[in-house]
Amino acid sequence: VESPFGGMSGVAESGAATRPPADAKASPAGKGGVEKVIILANNVGNAPILSQKQFSCSGASSVSRIQAHIQTKIRSSPNHADANVHIFINKSFCPAPDENLSDLYKCFQTDGKLVVDYALMEAWG
């Protein structure tokens, strides 16, 4: 399902969560990249839990696209209307906003997913 967040998918029109097919985890794309990356978003500290913790995104997308997607979801709550989201990979470091998701996936994937932790303040790195 296409979403307004640049190709991220995971929720059907009815609002029910959908699971990507097992073979859609990461298929090689041109130039050694990853076509689709499955993102597992975990909250840290007082950051609210997303209703949809897992979604997929194009491997050519940047970290800033994931950050904007999570920030938009969090800002939809009146309590967090002006929240700024910080992104971390595997609870260890902040990637550069222009970092390519397929590169991060190739280096840091766990069980076929890129674990992205998000917080409302600096937590690591």
PDB file of N, CA and C in Angstrom:
ATOM      1  N   VAL A   1       0.850  -1.171   0.000  1.00  0.00           N
ATOM      2  CA  VAL A   1       0.000   0.000   0.000  1.00  0.00           C
ATOM      3  C   VAL A   1       0.891   1.228   0.000  1.00  0.00           C
ATOM      4  N   GLU A   2       0.713   2.095  -0.962  1.00  0.00           N
ATOM      5  CA  GLU A   2       1.495   3.327  -1.027  1.00  0.00           C
ATOM      6  C   GLU A   2       0.979   4.293   0.030  1.00  0.00           C
ATOM      7  N   SER A   3       1.861   5.073   0.595  1.00  0.00           N
ATOM      8  CA  SER A   3       1.443   6.052   1.575  1.00  0.00           C
ATOM      9  C   SER A   3       1.978   7.416   1.172  1.00  0.00           C
ATOM     10  N   PRO A   4       1.493   8.478   1.786  1.00  0.00           N
ATOM     11  CA  PRO A   4       1.979   9.807   1.444  1.00  0.00           C
ATOM     12  C   PRO A   4       3.403  10.046   1.914  1.00  0.00           C
ATOM     13  N   PHE A   5       4.047   9.053   2.536  1.00  0.00           N
ATOM     14  CA  PHE A   5       5.399   9.208   3.048  1.00  0.00           C
ATOM     15  C   PHE A   5       6.414   8.589   2.114  1.00  0.00           C
ATOM     16  N   GLY A   6       6.216   8.701   0.811  1.00  0.00           N
ATOM     17  CA  GLY A   6       7.212   8.304  -0.159  1.00  0.00           C
ATOM     18  C   GLY A   6       7.443   6.828  -0.276  1.00  0.00           C
ATOM     19  N   GLY A   7       6.386   6.055  -0.421  1.00  0.00           N
ATOM     20  CA  GLY A   7       6.557   4.643  -0.694  1.00  0.00           C
ATOM     21  C   GLY A   7       6.584   3.760   0.532  1.00  0.00           C
ATOM     22  N   MET A   8       6.406   4.303   1.725  1.00  0.00           N
ATOM     23  CA  MET A   8       6.362   3.461   2.905  1.00  0.00           C
ATOM     24  C   MET A   8       5.020   2.767   2.943  1.00  0.00           C
ATOM     25  N   SER A   9       5.012   1.520   3.336  1.00  0.00           N
ATOM     26  CA  SER A   9       3.756   0.793   3.360  1.00  0.00           C
ATOM     27  C   SER A   9       3.620   0.025   4.652  1.00  0.00           C
ATOM     28  N   GLY A  10       2.401  -0.446   4.904  1.00  0.00           N
ATOM     29  CA  GLY A  10       2.174  -1.247   6.089  1.00  0.00           C
ATOM     30  C   GLY A  10       0.753  -1.183   6.598  1.00  0.00           C
ATOM     31  N   VAL A  11      -0.037  -0.188   6.213  1.00  0.00           N
ATOM     32  CA  VAL A  11      -1.412  -0.096   6.670  1.00  0.00           C
ATOM     33  C   VAL A  11      -2.315  -0.045   5.453  1.00  0.00           C
ATOM     34  N   ALA A  12      -3.293  -0.914   5.448  1.00  0.00           N
ATOM     35  CA  ALA A  12      -4.239  -0.963   4.338  1.00  0.00           C
ATOM     36  C   ALA A  12      -5.253   0.166   4.479  1.00  0.00           C
ATOM     37  N   GLU A  13      -6.046   0.368   3.438  1.00  0.00           N
ATOM     38  CA  GLU A  13      -7.070   1.420   3.447  1.00  0.00           C
ATOM     39  C   GLU A  13      -7.997   1.279   4.647  1.00  0.00           C
ATOM     40  N   SER A  14      -8.310   0.049   5.050  1.00  0.00           N
ATOM     41  CA  SER A  14      -9.229  -0.164   6.155  1.00  0.00           C
ATOM     42  C   SER A  14      -8.600   0.174   7.495  1.00  0.00           C
ATOM     43  N   GLY A  15      -7.273   0.404   7.515  1.00  0.00           N
ATOM     44  CA  GLY A  15      -6.595   0.703   8.763  1.00  0.00           C
ATOM     45  C   GLY A  15      -6.001  -0.537   9.395  1.00  0.00           C
ATOM     46  N   ALA A  16      -6.279  -1.713   8.850  1.00  0.00           N
ATOM     47  CA  ALA A  16      -5.740  -2.941   9.405  1.00  0.00           C
ATOM     48  C   ALA A  16      -4.280  -3.079   8.979  1.00  0.00           C
ATOM     49  N   ALA A  17      -3.459  -3.538   9.879  1.00  0.00           N
ATOM     50  CA  ALA A  17      -2.034  -3.702   9.564  1.00  0.00           C
ATOM     51  C   ALA A  17      -1.855  -4.836   8.570  1.00  0.00           C
ATOM     52  N   THR A  18      -0.963  -4.627   7.626  1.00  0.00           N
ATOM     53  CA  THR A  18      -0.654  -5.675   6.663  1.00  0.00           C
ATOM     54  C   THR A  18       0.788  -6.089   6.840  1.00  0.00           C
ATOM     55  N   ARG A  19       1.088  -7.310   6.514  1.00  0.00           N
ATOM     56  CA  ARG A  19       2.453  -7.798   6.604  1.00  0.00           C
ATOM     57  C   ARG A  19       3.005  -7.951   5.209  1.00  0.00           C
ATOM     58  N   PRO A  20       4.231  -7.515   5.012  1.00  0.00           N
ATOM     59  CA  PRO A  20       4.826  -7.702   3.700  1.00  0.00           C
ATOM     60  C   PRO A  20       5.087  -9.183   3.471  1.00  0.00           C
ATOM     61  N   PRO A  21       5.072  -9.626   2.214  1.00  0.00           N
ATOM     62  CA  PRO A  21       5.360 -11.019   1.944  1.00  0.00           C
ATOM     63  C   PRO A  21       6.748 -11.387   2.445  1.00  0.00           C
ATOM     64  N   ALA A  22       6.941 -12.658   2.802  1.00  0.00           N
ATOM     65  CA  ALA A  22       8.212 -13.114   3.355  1.00  0.00           C
ATOM     66  C   ALA A  22       9.363 -12.855   2.403  1.00  0.00           C
ATOM     67  N   ASP A  23       9.116 -12.935   1.086  1.00  0.00           N
ATOM     68  CA  ASP A  23      10.187 -12.730   0.126  1.00  0.00           C
ATOM     69  C   ASP A  23      10.445 -11.256  -0.153  1.00  0.00           C
ATOM     70  N   ALA A  24       9.717 -10.336   0.489  1.00  0.00           N
ATOM     71  CA  ALA A  24       9.892  -8.904   0.244  1.00  0.00           C
ATOM     72  C   ALA A  24      10.838  -8.251   1.238  1.00  0.00           C
ATOM     73  N   LYS A  25      11.502  -9.042   2.056  1.00  0.00           N
ATOM     74  CA  LYS A  25      12.391  -8.479   3.073  1.00  0.00           C
ATOM     75  C   LYS A  25      13.442  -7.572   2.459  1.00  0.00           C
ATOM     76  N   ALA A  26      14.254  -8.126   1.622  1.00  0.00           N
ATOM     77  CA  ALA A  26      15.291  -7.327   0.986  1.00  0.00           C
ATOM     78  C   ALA A  26      15.758  -8.042  -0.260  1.00  0.00           C
ATOM     79  N   SER A  27      15.355  -7.537  -1.378  1.00  0.00           N
ATOM     80  CA  SER A  27      15.811  -8.144  -2.614  1.00  0.00           C
ATOM     81  C   SER A  27      16.841  -7.227  -3.245  1.00  0.00           C
ATOM     82  N   PRO A  28      17.871  -7.797  -3.827  1.00  0.00           N
ATOM     83  CA  PRO A  28      18.927  -6.966  -4.394  1.00  0.00           C
ATOM     84  C   PRO A  28      18.406  -6.065  -5.501  1.00  0.00           C
ATOM     85  N   ALA A  29      18.837  -4.853  -5.469  1.00  0.00           N
ATOM     86  CA  ALA A  29      18.515  -3.902  -6.528  1.00  0.00           C
ATOM     87  C   ALA A  29      19.801  -3.612  -7.289  1.00  0.00           C
ATOM     88  N   GLY A  30      19.704  -2.774  -8.275  1.00  0.00           N
ATOM     89  CA  GLY A  30      20.894  -2.423  -9.034  1.00  0.00           C
ATOM     90  C   GLY A  30      21.965  -1.802  -8.153  1.00  0.00           C
ATOM     91  N   LYS A  31      23.216  -1.973  -8.523  1.00  0.00           N
ATOM     92  CA  LYS A  31      24.363  -1.404  -7.832  1.00  0.00           C
ATOM     93  C   LYS A  31      24.523  -1.948  -6.419  1.00  0.00           C
ATOM     94  N   GLY A  32      24.063  -3.173  -6.149  1.00  0.00           N
ATOM     95  CA  GLY A  32      24.280  -3.793  -4.848  1.00  0.00           C
ATOM     96  C   GLY A  32      23.411  -3.248  -3.738  1.00  0.00           C
ATOM     97  N   GLY A  33      22.412  -2.441  -4.056  1.00  0.00           N
ATOM     98  CA  GLY A  33      21.541  -1.873  -3.038  1.00  0.00           C
ATOM     99  C   GLY A  33      20.438  -2.831  -2.650  1.00  0.00           C
ATOM    100  N   VAL A  34      19.617  -2.427  -1.718  1.00  0.00           N
ATOM    101  CA  VAL A  34      18.485  -3.203  -1.258  1.00  0.00           C
ATOM    102  C   VAL A  34      17.234  -2.484  -1.727  1.00  0.00           C
ATOM    103  N   GLU A  35      16.338  -3.217  -2.391  1.00  0.00           N
ATOM    104  CA  GLU A  35      15.150  -2.602  -2.967  1.00  0.00           C
ATOM    105  C   GLU A  35      14.185  -2.101  -1.899  1.00  0.00           C
ATOM    106  N   LYS A  36      13.798  -2.961  -0.957  1.00  0.00           N
ATOM    107  CA  LYS A  36      12.904  -2.592   0.141  1.00  0.00           C
ATOM    108  C   LYS A  36      13.558  -2.941   1.461  1.00  0.00           C
ATOM    109  N   VAL A  37      13.391  -2.072   2.428  1.00  0.00           N
ATOM    110  CA  VAL A  37      13.935  -2.281   3.757  1.00  0.00           C
ATOM    111  C   VAL A  37      12.763  -2.309   4.733  1.00  0.00           C
ATOM    112  N   ILE A  38      12.721  -3.338   5.574  1.00  0.00           N
ATOM    113  CA  ILE A  38      11.696  -3.409   6.613  1.00  0.00           C
ATOM    114  C   ILE A  38      12.247  -2.709   7.844  1.00  0.00           C
ATOM    115  N   ILE A  39      11.507  -1.722   8.324  1.00  0.00           N
ATOM    116  CA  ILE A  39      11.902  -0.913   9.472  1.00  0.00           C
ATOM    117  C   ILE A  39      11.099  -1.366  10.688  1.00  0.00           C
ATOM    118  N   LEU A  40      11.780  -1.600  11.800  1.00  0.00           N
ATOM    119  CA  LEU A  40      11.128  -1.878  13.074  1.00  0.00           C
ATOM    120  C   LEU A  40      11.416  -0.689  13.978  1.00  0.00           C
ATOM    121  N   ALA A  41      10.399   0.107  14.287  1.00  0.00           N
ATOM    122  CA  ALA A  41      10.554   1.340  15.062  1.00  0.00           C
ATOM    123  C   ALA A  41      10.224   1.081  16.528  1.00  0.00           C
ATOM    124  N   ASN A  42      11.198   1.308  17.401  1.00  0.00           N
ATOM    125  CA  ASN A  42      11.027   1.123  18.840  1.00  0.00           C
ATOM    126  C   ASN A  42      11.147   2.466  19.549  1.00  0.00           C
ATOM    127  N   ASN A  43      10.215   2.723  20.461  1.00  0.00           N
ATOM    128  CA  ASN A  43      10.287   3.971  21.220  1.00  0.00           C
ATOM    129  C   ASN A  43      11.311   3.851  22.343  1.00  0.00           C
ATOM    130  N   VAL A  44      11.874   4.976  22.711  1.00  0.00           N
ATOM    131  CA  VAL A  44      12.859   5.043  23.785  1.00  0.00           C
ATOM    132  C   VAL A  44      12.433   6.147  24.738  1.00  0.00           C
ATOM    133  N   GLY A  45      12.573   5.904  26.036  1.00  0.00           N
ATOM    134  CA  GLY A  45      12.249   6.918  27.038  1.00  0.00           C
ATOM    135  C   GLY A  45      10.774   7.263  27.033  1.00  0.00           C
ATOM    136  N   ASN A  46      10.476   8.554  26.992  1.00  0.00           N
ATOM    137  CA  ASN A  46       9.085   8.999  27.062  1.00  0.00           C
ATOM    138  C   ASN A  46       8.448   9.191  25.684  1.00  0.00           C
ATOM    139  N   ALA A  47       9.090   8.715  24.633  1.00  0.00           N
ATOM    140  CA  ALA A  47       8.498   8.818  23.287  1.00  0.00           C
ATOM    141  C   ALA A  47       7.277   7.908  23.210  1.00  0.00           C
ATOM    142  N   PRO A  48       6.191   8.384  22.617  1.00  0.00           N
ATOM    143  CA  PRO A  48       4.989   7.551  22.525  1.00  0.00           C
ATOM    144  C   PRO A  48       5.208   6.351  21.605  1.00  0.00           C
ATOM    145  N   ILE A  49       4.496   5.283  21.875  1.00  0.00           N
ATOM    146  CA  ILE A  49       4.569   4.075  21.058  1.00  0.00           C
ATOM    147  C   ILE A  49       3.733   4.287  19.807  1.00  0.00           C
ATOM    148  N   LEU A  50       4.294   3.971  18.660  1.00  0.00           N
ATOM    149  CA  LEU A  50       3.555   4.070  17.398  1.00  0.00           C
ATOM    150  C   LEU A  50       2.551   2.936  17.300  1.00  0.00           C
ATOM    151  N   SER A  51       1.410   3.203  16.716  1.00  0.00           N
ATOM    152  CA  SER A  51       0.411   2.148  16.534  1.00  0.00           C
ATOM    153  C   SER A  51       0.898   1.122  15.513  1.00  0.00           C
ATOM    154  N   GLN A  52       1.727   1.539  14.597  1.00  0.00           N
ATOM    155  CA  GLN A  52       2.319   0.644  13.603  1.00  0.00           C
ATOM    156  C   GLN A  52       3.836   0.712  13.769  1.00  0.00           C
ATOM    157  N   LYS A  53       4.406  -0.304  14.397  1.00  0.00           N
ATOM    158  CA  LYS A  53       5.831  -0.297  14.702  1.00  0.00           C
ATOM    159  C   LYS A  53       6.690  -0.798  13.545  1.00  0.00           C
ATOM    160  N   GLN A  54       6.093  -1.513  12.613  1.00  0.00           N
ATOM    161  CA  GLN A  54       6.854  -2.073  11.502  1.00  0.00           C
ATOM    162  C   GLN A  54       6.289  -1.584  10.182  1.00  0.00           C
ATOM    163  N   PHE A  55       7.170  -1.128   9.301  1.00  0.00           N
ATOM    164  CA  PHE A  55       6.762  -0.678   7.969  1.00  0.00           C
ATOM    165  C   PHE A  55       7.929  -0.870   7.027  1.00  0.00           C
ATOM    166  N   SER A  56       7.659  -0.767   5.743  1.00  0.00           N
ATOM    167  CA  SER A  56       8.736  -0.920   4.763  1.00  0.00           C
ATOM    168  C   SER A  56       8.934   0.390   4.017  1.00  0.00           C
ATOM    169  N   CYS A  57      10.134   0.536   3.484  1.00  0.00           N
ATOM    170  CA  CYS A  57      10.499   1.756   2.782  1.00  0.00           C
ATOM    171  C   CYS A  57      11.507   1.400   1.704  1.00  0.00           C
ATOM    172  N   SER A  58      11.592   2.205   0.706  1.00  0.00           N
ATOM    173  CA  SER A  58      12.567   2.001  -0.356  1.00  0.00           C
ATOM    174  C   SER A  58      13.980   2.077   0.213  1.00  0.00           C
ATOM    175  N   GLY A  59      14.849   1.178  -0.234  1.00  0.00           N
ATOM    176  CA  GLY A  59      16.228   1.196   0.210  1.00  0.00           C
ATOM    177  C   GLY A  59      16.973   2.446  -0.224  1.00  0.00           C
ATOM    178  N   ALA A  60      16.489   3.105  -1.268  1.00  0.00           N
ATOM    179  CA  ALA A  60      17.130   4.332  -1.757  1.00  0.00           C
ATOM    180  C   ALA A  60      16.766   5.551  -0.908  1.00  0.00           C
ATOM    181  N   SER A  61      15.807   5.408   0.000  1.00  0.00           N
ATOM    182  CA  SER A  61      15.387   6.521   0.857  1.00  0.00           C
ATOM    183  C   SER A  61      16.467   6.853   1.875  1.00  0.00           C
ATOM    184  N   SER A  62      16.365   8.041   2.421  1.00  0.00           N
ATOM    185  CA  SER A  62      17.335   8.481   3.423  1.00  0.00           C
ATOM    186  C   SER A  62      16.744   8.382   4.824  1.00  0.00           C
ATOM    187  N   VAL A  63      17.602   8.491   5.812  1.00  0.00           N
ATOM    188  CA  VAL A  63      17.184   8.466   7.211  1.00  0.00           C
ATOM    189  C   VAL A  63      16.216   9.606   7.507  1.00  0.00           C
ATOM    190  N   SER A  64      16.406  10.737   6.857  1.00  0.00           N
ATOM    191  CA  SER A  64      15.525  11.881   7.110  1.00  0.00           C
ATOM    192  C   SER A  64      14.072  11.565   6.750  1.00  0.00           C
ATOM    193  N   ARG A  65      13.857  10.688   5.769  1.00  0.00           N
ATOM    194  CA  ARG A  65      12.494  10.299   5.408  1.00  0.00           C
ATOM    195  C   ARG A  65      11.850   9.488   6.533  1.00  0.00           C
ATOM    196  N   ILE A  66      12.606   8.586   7.146  1.00  0.00           N
ATOM    197  CA  ILE A  66      12.099   7.804   8.278  1.00  0.00           C
ATOM    198  C   ILE A  66      11.828   8.729   9.462  1.00  0.00           C
ATOM    199  N   GLN A  67      12.742   9.649   9.709  1.00  0.00           N
ATOM    200  CA  GLN A  67      12.565  10.587  10.809  1.00  0.00           C
ATOM    201  C   GLN A  67      11.303  11.428  10.600  1.00  0.00           C
ATOM    202  N   ALA A  68      11.085  11.913   9.395  1.00  0.00           N
ATOM    203  CA  ALA A  68       9.895  12.713   9.101  1.00  0.00           C
ATOM    204  C   ALA A  68       8.621  11.889   9.258  1.00  0.00           C
ATOM    205  N   HIS A  69       8.659  10.642   8.836  1.00  0.00           N
ATOM    206  CA  HIS A  69       7.492   9.760   8.950  1.00  0.00           C
ATOM    207  C   HIS A  69       7.120   9.549  10.420  1.00  0.00           C
ATOM    208  N   ILE A  70       8.108   9.209  11.245  1.00  0.00           N
ATOM    209  CA  ILE A  70       7.848   8.975  12.669  1.00  0.00           C
ATOM    210  C   ILE A  70       7.431  10.268  13.347  1.00  0.00           C
ATOM    211  N   GLN A  71       8.070  11.369  13.018  1.00  0.00           N
ATOM    212  CA  GLN A  71       7.735  12.659  13.622  1.00  0.00           C
ATOM    213  C   GLN A  71       6.309  13.067  13.282  1.00  0.00           C
ATOM    214  N   THR A  72       5.878  12.824  12.050  1.00  0.00           N
ATOM    215  CA  THR A  72       4.505  13.149  11.649  1.00  0.00           C
ATOM    216  C   THR A  72       3.506  12.336  12.455  1.00  0.00           C
ATOM    217  N   LYS A  73       3.799  11.046  12.647  1.00  0.00           N
ATOM    218  CA  LYS A  73       2.904  10.195  13.439  1.00  0.00           C
ATOM    219  C   LYS A  73       2.818  10.678  14.881  1.00  0.00           C
ATOM    220  N   ILE A  74       3.956  11.038  15.457  1.00  0.00           N
ATOM    221  CA  ILE A  74       3.970  11.492  16.855  1.00  0.00           C
ATOM    222  C   ILE A  74       3.300  12.851  17.000  1.00  0.00           C
ATOM    223  N   ARG A  75       3.531  13.755  16.054  1.00  0.00           N
ATOM    224  CA  ARG A  75       2.945  15.093  16.139  1.00  0.00           C
ATOM    225  C   ARG A  75       1.439  15.103  15.932  1.00  0.00           C
ATOM    226  N   SER A  76       0.867  13.996  15.481  1.00  0.00           N
ATOM    227  CA  SER A  76      -0.588  13.948  15.331  1.00  0.00           C
ATOM    228  C   SER A  76      -1.284  13.920  16.683  1.00  0.00           C
ATOM    229  N   SER A  77      -0.543  13.631  17.743  1.00  0.00           N
ATOM    230  CA  SER A  77      -1.080  13.656  19.104  1.00  0.00           C
ATOM    231  C   SER A  77      -0.983  15.076  19.652  1.00  0.00           C
ATOM    232  N   PRO A  78      -2.047  15.602  20.251  1.00  0.00           N
ATOM    233  CA  PRO A  78      -2.002  16.968  20.783  1.00  0.00           C
ATOM    234  C   PRO A  78      -0.923  17.159  21.853  1.00  0.00           C
ATOM    235  N   ASN A  79      -0.590  16.098  22.586  1.00  0.00           N
ATOM    236  CA  ASN A  79       0.428  16.195  23.643  1.00  0.00           C
ATOM    237  C   ASN A  79       1.837  16.357  23.086  1.00  0.00           C
ATOM    238  N   HIS A  80       2.036  15.975  21.823  1.00  0.00           N
ATOM    239  CA  HIS A  80       3.370  16.018  21.235  1.00  0.00           C
ATOM    240  C   HIS A  80       3.375  16.823  19.929  1.00  0.00           C
ATOM    241  N   ALA A  81       2.555  17.858  19.844  1.00  0.00           N
ATOM    242  CA  ALA A  81       2.388  18.612  18.602  1.00  0.00           C
ATOM    243  C   ALA A  81       3.674  19.280  18.125  1.00  0.00           C
ATOM    244  N   ASP A  82       4.575  19.599  19.035  1.00  0.00           N
ATOM    245  CA  ASP A  82       5.811  20.267  18.626  1.00  0.00           C
ATOM    246  C   ASP A  82       7.050  19.408  18.907  1.00  0.00           C
ATOM    247  N   ALA A  83       6.863  18.116  19.010  1.00  0.00           N
ATOM    248  CA  ALA A  83       7.960  17.197  19.348  1.00  0.00           C
ATOM    249  C   ALA A  83       8.985  17.101  18.222  1.00  0.00           C
ATOM    250  N   ASN A  84      10.241  17.013  18.614  1.00  0.00           N
ATOM    251  CA  ASN A  84      11.333  16.739  17.677  1.00  0.00           C
ATOM    252  C   ASN A  84      11.821  15.327  17.950  1.00  0.00           C
ATOM    253  N   VAL A  85      11.949  14.540  16.906  1.00  0.00           N
ATOM    254  CA  VAL A  85      12.303  13.133  17.041  1.00  0.00           C
ATOM    255  C   VAL A  85      13.779  12.935  16.703  1.00  0.00           C
ATOM    256  N   HIS A  86      14.454  12.144  17.527  1.00  0.00           N
ATOM    257  CA  HIS A  86      15.841  11.754  17.292  1.00  0.00           C
ATOM    258  C   HIS A  86      15.847  10.274  16.928  1.00  0.00           C
ATOM    259  N   ILE A  87      16.610   9.926  15.904  1.00  0.00           N
ATOM    260  CA  ILE A  87      16.657   8.563  15.375  1.00  0.00           C
ATOM    261  C   ILE A  87      17.994   7.925  15.743  1.00  0.00           C
ATOM    262  N   PHE A  88      17.931   6.654  16.134  1.00  0.00           N
ATOM    263  CA  PHE A  88      19.126   5.885  16.471  1.00  0.00           C
ATOM    264  C   PHE A  88      19.036   4.529  15.789  1.00  0.00           C
ATOM    265  N   ILE A  89      20.171   3.949  15.478  1.00  0.00           N
ATOM    266  CA  ILE A  89      20.221   2.618  14.883  1.00  0.00           C
ATOM    267  C   ILE A  89      20.753   1.651  15.935  1.00  0.00           C
ATOM    268  N   ASN A  90      19.992   0.583  16.181  1.00  0.00           N
ATOM    269  CA  ASN A  90      20.376  -0.481  17.129  1.00  0.00           C
ATOM    270  C   ASN A  90      20.819   0.053  18.491  1.00  0.00           C
ATOM    271  N   LYS A  91      20.153   1.053  18.987  1.00  0.00           N
ATOM    272  CA  LYS A  91      20.429   1.636  20.301  1.00  0.00           C
ATOM    273  C   LYS A  91      21.890   2.022  20.478  1.00  0.00           C
ATOM    274  N   SER A  92      22.491   2.534  19.398  1.00  0.00           N
ATOM    275  CA  SER A  92      23.903   2.855  19.552  1.00  0.00           C
ATOM    276  C   SER A  92      24.328   4.196  18.955  1.00  0.00           C
ATOM    277  N   PHE A  93      23.827   4.585  17.782  1.00  0.00           N
ATOM    278  CA  PHE A  93      24.327   5.822  17.179  1.00  0.00           C
ATOM    279  C   PHE A  93      23.251   6.507  16.355  1.00  0.00           C
ATOM    280  N   CYS A  94      23.459   7.810  16.153  1.00  0.00           N
ATOM    281  CA  CYS A  94      22.582   8.616  15.294  1.00  0.00           C
ATOM    282  C   CYS A  94      23.163   8.605  13.887  1.00  0.00           C
ATOM    283  N   PRO A  95      22.436   8.095  12.916  1.00  0.00           N
ATOM    284  CA  PRO A  95      22.951   8.154  11.545  1.00  0.00           C
ATOM    285  C   PRO A  95      22.782   9.564  10.980  1.00  0.00           C
ATOM    286  N   ALA A  96      23.567   9.866   9.973  1.00  0.00           N
ATOM    287  CA  ALA A  96      23.430  11.151   9.292  1.00  0.00           C
ATOM    288  C   ALA A  96      22.077  11.195   8.586  1.00  0.00           C
ATOM    289  N   PRO A  97      21.429  12.353   8.527  1.00  0.00           N
ATOM    290  CA  PRO A  97      20.110  12.434   7.887  1.00  0.00           C
ATOM    291  C   PRO A  97      20.109  12.013   6.419  1.00  0.00           C
ATOM    292  N   ASP A  98      21.239  12.163   5.738  1.00  0.00           N
ATOM    293  CA  ASP A  98      21.279  11.798   4.323  1.00  0.00           C
ATOM    294  C   ASP A  98      21.798  10.371   4.093  1.00  0.00           C
ATOM    295  N   GLU A  99      21.968   9.610   5.177  1.00  0.00           N
ATOM    296  CA  GLU A  99      22.438   8.226   5.063  1.00  0.00           C
ATOM    297  C   GLU A  99      21.395   7.371   4.339  1.00  0.00           C
ATOM    298  N   ASN A 100      21.860   6.545   3.428  1.00  0.00           N
ATOM    299  CA  ASN A 100      21.002   5.675   2.621  1.00  0.00           C
ATOM    300  C   ASN A 100      20.540   4.479   3.456  1.00  0.00           C
ATOM    301  N   LEU A 101      19.242   4.162   3.436  1.00  0.00           N
ATOM    302  CA  LEU A 101      18.716   3.057   4.233  1.00  0.00           C
ATOM    303  C   LEU A 101      19.269   1.706   3.805  1.00  0.00           C
ATOM    304  N   SER A 102      19.515   1.509   2.517  1.00  0.00           N
ATOM    305  CA  SER A 102      20.036   0.213   2.083  1.00  0.00           C
ATOM    306  C   SER A 102      21.442  -0.014   2.627  1.00  0.00           C
ATOM    307  N   ASP A 103      22.247   1.041   2.755  1.00  0.00           N
ATOM    308  CA  ASP A 103      23.582   0.898   3.338  1.00  0.00           C
ATOM    309  C   ASP A 103      23.490   0.532   4.816  1.00  0.00           C
ATOM    310  N   LEU A 104      22.605   1.199   5.542  1.00  0.00           N
ATOM    311  CA  LEU A 104      22.409   0.878   6.954  1.00  0.00           C
ATOM    312  C   LEU A 104      21.893  -0.545   7.117  1.00  0.00           C
ATOM    313  N   TYR A 105      20.977  -0.943   6.245  1.00  0.00           N
ATOM    314  CA  TYR A 105      20.418  -2.291   6.310  1.00  0.00           C
ATOM    315  C   TYR A 105      21.509  -3.337   6.118  1.00  0.00           C
ATOM    316  N   LYS A 106      22.361  -3.131   5.121  1.00  0.00           N
ATOM    317  CA  LYS A 106      23.420  -4.110   4.842  1.00  0.00           C
ATOM    318  C   LYS A 106      24.370  -4.260   6.028  1.00  0.00           C
ATOM    319  N   CYS A 107      24.616  -3.191   6.755  1.00  0.00           N
ATOM    320  CA  CYS A 107      25.564  -3.235   7.863  1.00  0.00           C
ATOM    321  C   CYS A 107      24.931  -3.605   9.208  1.00  0.00           C
ATOM    322  N   PHE A 108      23.674  -3.220   9.442  1.00  0.00           N
ATOM    323  CA  PHE A 108      23.109  -3.304  10.790  1.00  0.00           C
ATOM    324  C   PHE A 108      21.784  -4.054  10.895  1.00  0.00           C
ATOM    325  N   GLN A 109      21.350  -4.751   9.853  1.00  0.00           N
ATOM    326  CA  GLN A 109      20.066  -5.448   9.927  1.00  0.00           C
ATOM    327  C   GLN A 109      20.116  -6.575  10.954  1.00  0.00           C
ATOM    328  N   THR A 110      18.965  -6.828  11.574  1.00  0.00           N
ATOM    329  CA  THR A 110      18.802  -7.906  12.538  1.00  0.00           C
ATOM    330  C   THR A 110      17.549  -8.673  12.160  1.00  0.00           C
ATOM    331  N   ASP A 111      17.687  -9.961  11.886  1.00  0.00           N
ATOM    332  CA  ASP A 111      16.560 -10.811  11.504  1.00  0.00           C
ATOM    333  C   ASP A 111      15.787 -10.229  10.325  1.00  0.00           C
ATOM    334  N   GLY A 112      16.477  -9.669   9.361  1.00  0.00           N
ATOM    335  CA  GLY A 112      15.847  -9.141   8.163  1.00  0.00           C
ATOM    336  C   GLY A 112      15.176  -7.789   8.333  1.00  0.00           C
ATOM    337  N   LYS A 113      15.425  -7.110   9.470  1.00  0.00           N
ATOM    338  CA  LYS A 113      14.813  -5.804   9.727  1.00  0.00           C
ATOM    339  C   LYS A 113      15.885  -4.823  10.174  1.00  0.00           C
ATOM    340  N   LEU A 114      15.673  -3.568   9.842  1.00  0.00           N
ATOM    341  CA  LEU A 114      16.529  -2.499  10.344  1.00  0.00           C
ATOM    342  C   LEU A 114      15.846  -1.929  11.584  1.00  0.00           C
ATOM    343  N   VAL A 115      16.471  -2.103  12.747  1.00  0.00           N
ATOM    344  CA  VAL A 115      15.883  -1.636  13.999  1.00  0.00           C
ATOM    345  C   VAL A 115      16.222  -0.160  14.167  1.00  0.00           C
ATOM    346  N   VAL A 116      15.179   0.657  14.198  1.00  0.00           N
ATOM    347  CA  VAL A 116      15.313   2.105  14.360  1.00  0.00           C
ATOM    348  C   VAL A 116      14.673   2.476  15.691  1.00  0.00           C
ATOM    349  N   ASP A 117      15.467   3.044  16.573  1.00  0.00           N
ATOM    350  CA  ASP A 117      14.954   3.517  17.850  1.00  0.00           C
ATOM    351  C   ASP A 117      14.726   5.012  17.731  1.00  0.00           C
ATOM    352  N   TYR A 118      13.665   5.511  18.336  1.00  0.00           N
ATOM    353  CA  TYR A 118      13.357   6.943  18.264  1.00  0.00           C
ATOM    354  C   TYR A 118      13.061   7.467  19.652  1.00  0.00           C
ATOM    355  N   ALA A 119      13.463   8.707  19.889  1.00  0.00           N
ATOM    356  CA  ALA A 119      13.262   9.341  21.182  1.00  0.00           C
ATOM    357  C   ALA A 119      12.950  10.821  20.977  1.00  0.00           C
ATOM    358  N   LEU A 120      12.431  11.451  22.006  1.00  0.00           N
ATOM    359  CA  LEU A 120      12.131  12.877  21.942  1.00  0.00           C
ATOM    360  C   LEU A 120      13.310  13.725  22.414  1.00  0.00           C
ATOM    361  N   MET A 121      14.356  13.059  22.902  1.00  0.00           N
ATOM    362  CA  MET A 121      15.586  13.749  23.302  1.00  0.00           C
ATOM    363  C   MET A 121      16.762  12.819  22.981  1.00  0.00           C
ATOM    364  N   GLU A 122      17.965  13.369  22.999  1.00  0.00           N
ATOM    365  CA  GLU A 122      19.156  12.547  22.727  1.00  0.00           C
ATOM    366  C   GLU A 122      19.238  11.419  23.741  1.00  0.00           C
ATOM    367  N   ALA A 123      19.443  10.201  23.260  1.00  0.00           N
ATOM    368  CA  ALA A 123      19.556   9.064  24.157  1.00  0.00           C
ATOM    369  C   ALA A 123      20.919   8.386  24.017  1.00  0.00           C
ATOM    370  N   TRP A 124      21.381   8.179  22.791  1.00  0.00           N
ATOM    371  CA  TRP A 124      22.692   7.582  22.520  1.00  0.00           C
ATOM    372  C   TRP A 124      23.369   8.406  21.448  1.00  0.00           C
ATOM    373  N   GLY A 125      24.652   8.186  21.294  1.00  0.00           N
ATOM    374  CA  GLY A 125      25.419   8.691  20.160  1.00  0.00           C
ATOM    375  C   GLY A 125      25.642  10.139  20.115  1.00  0.00           C
TER     376      GLY A 125
END
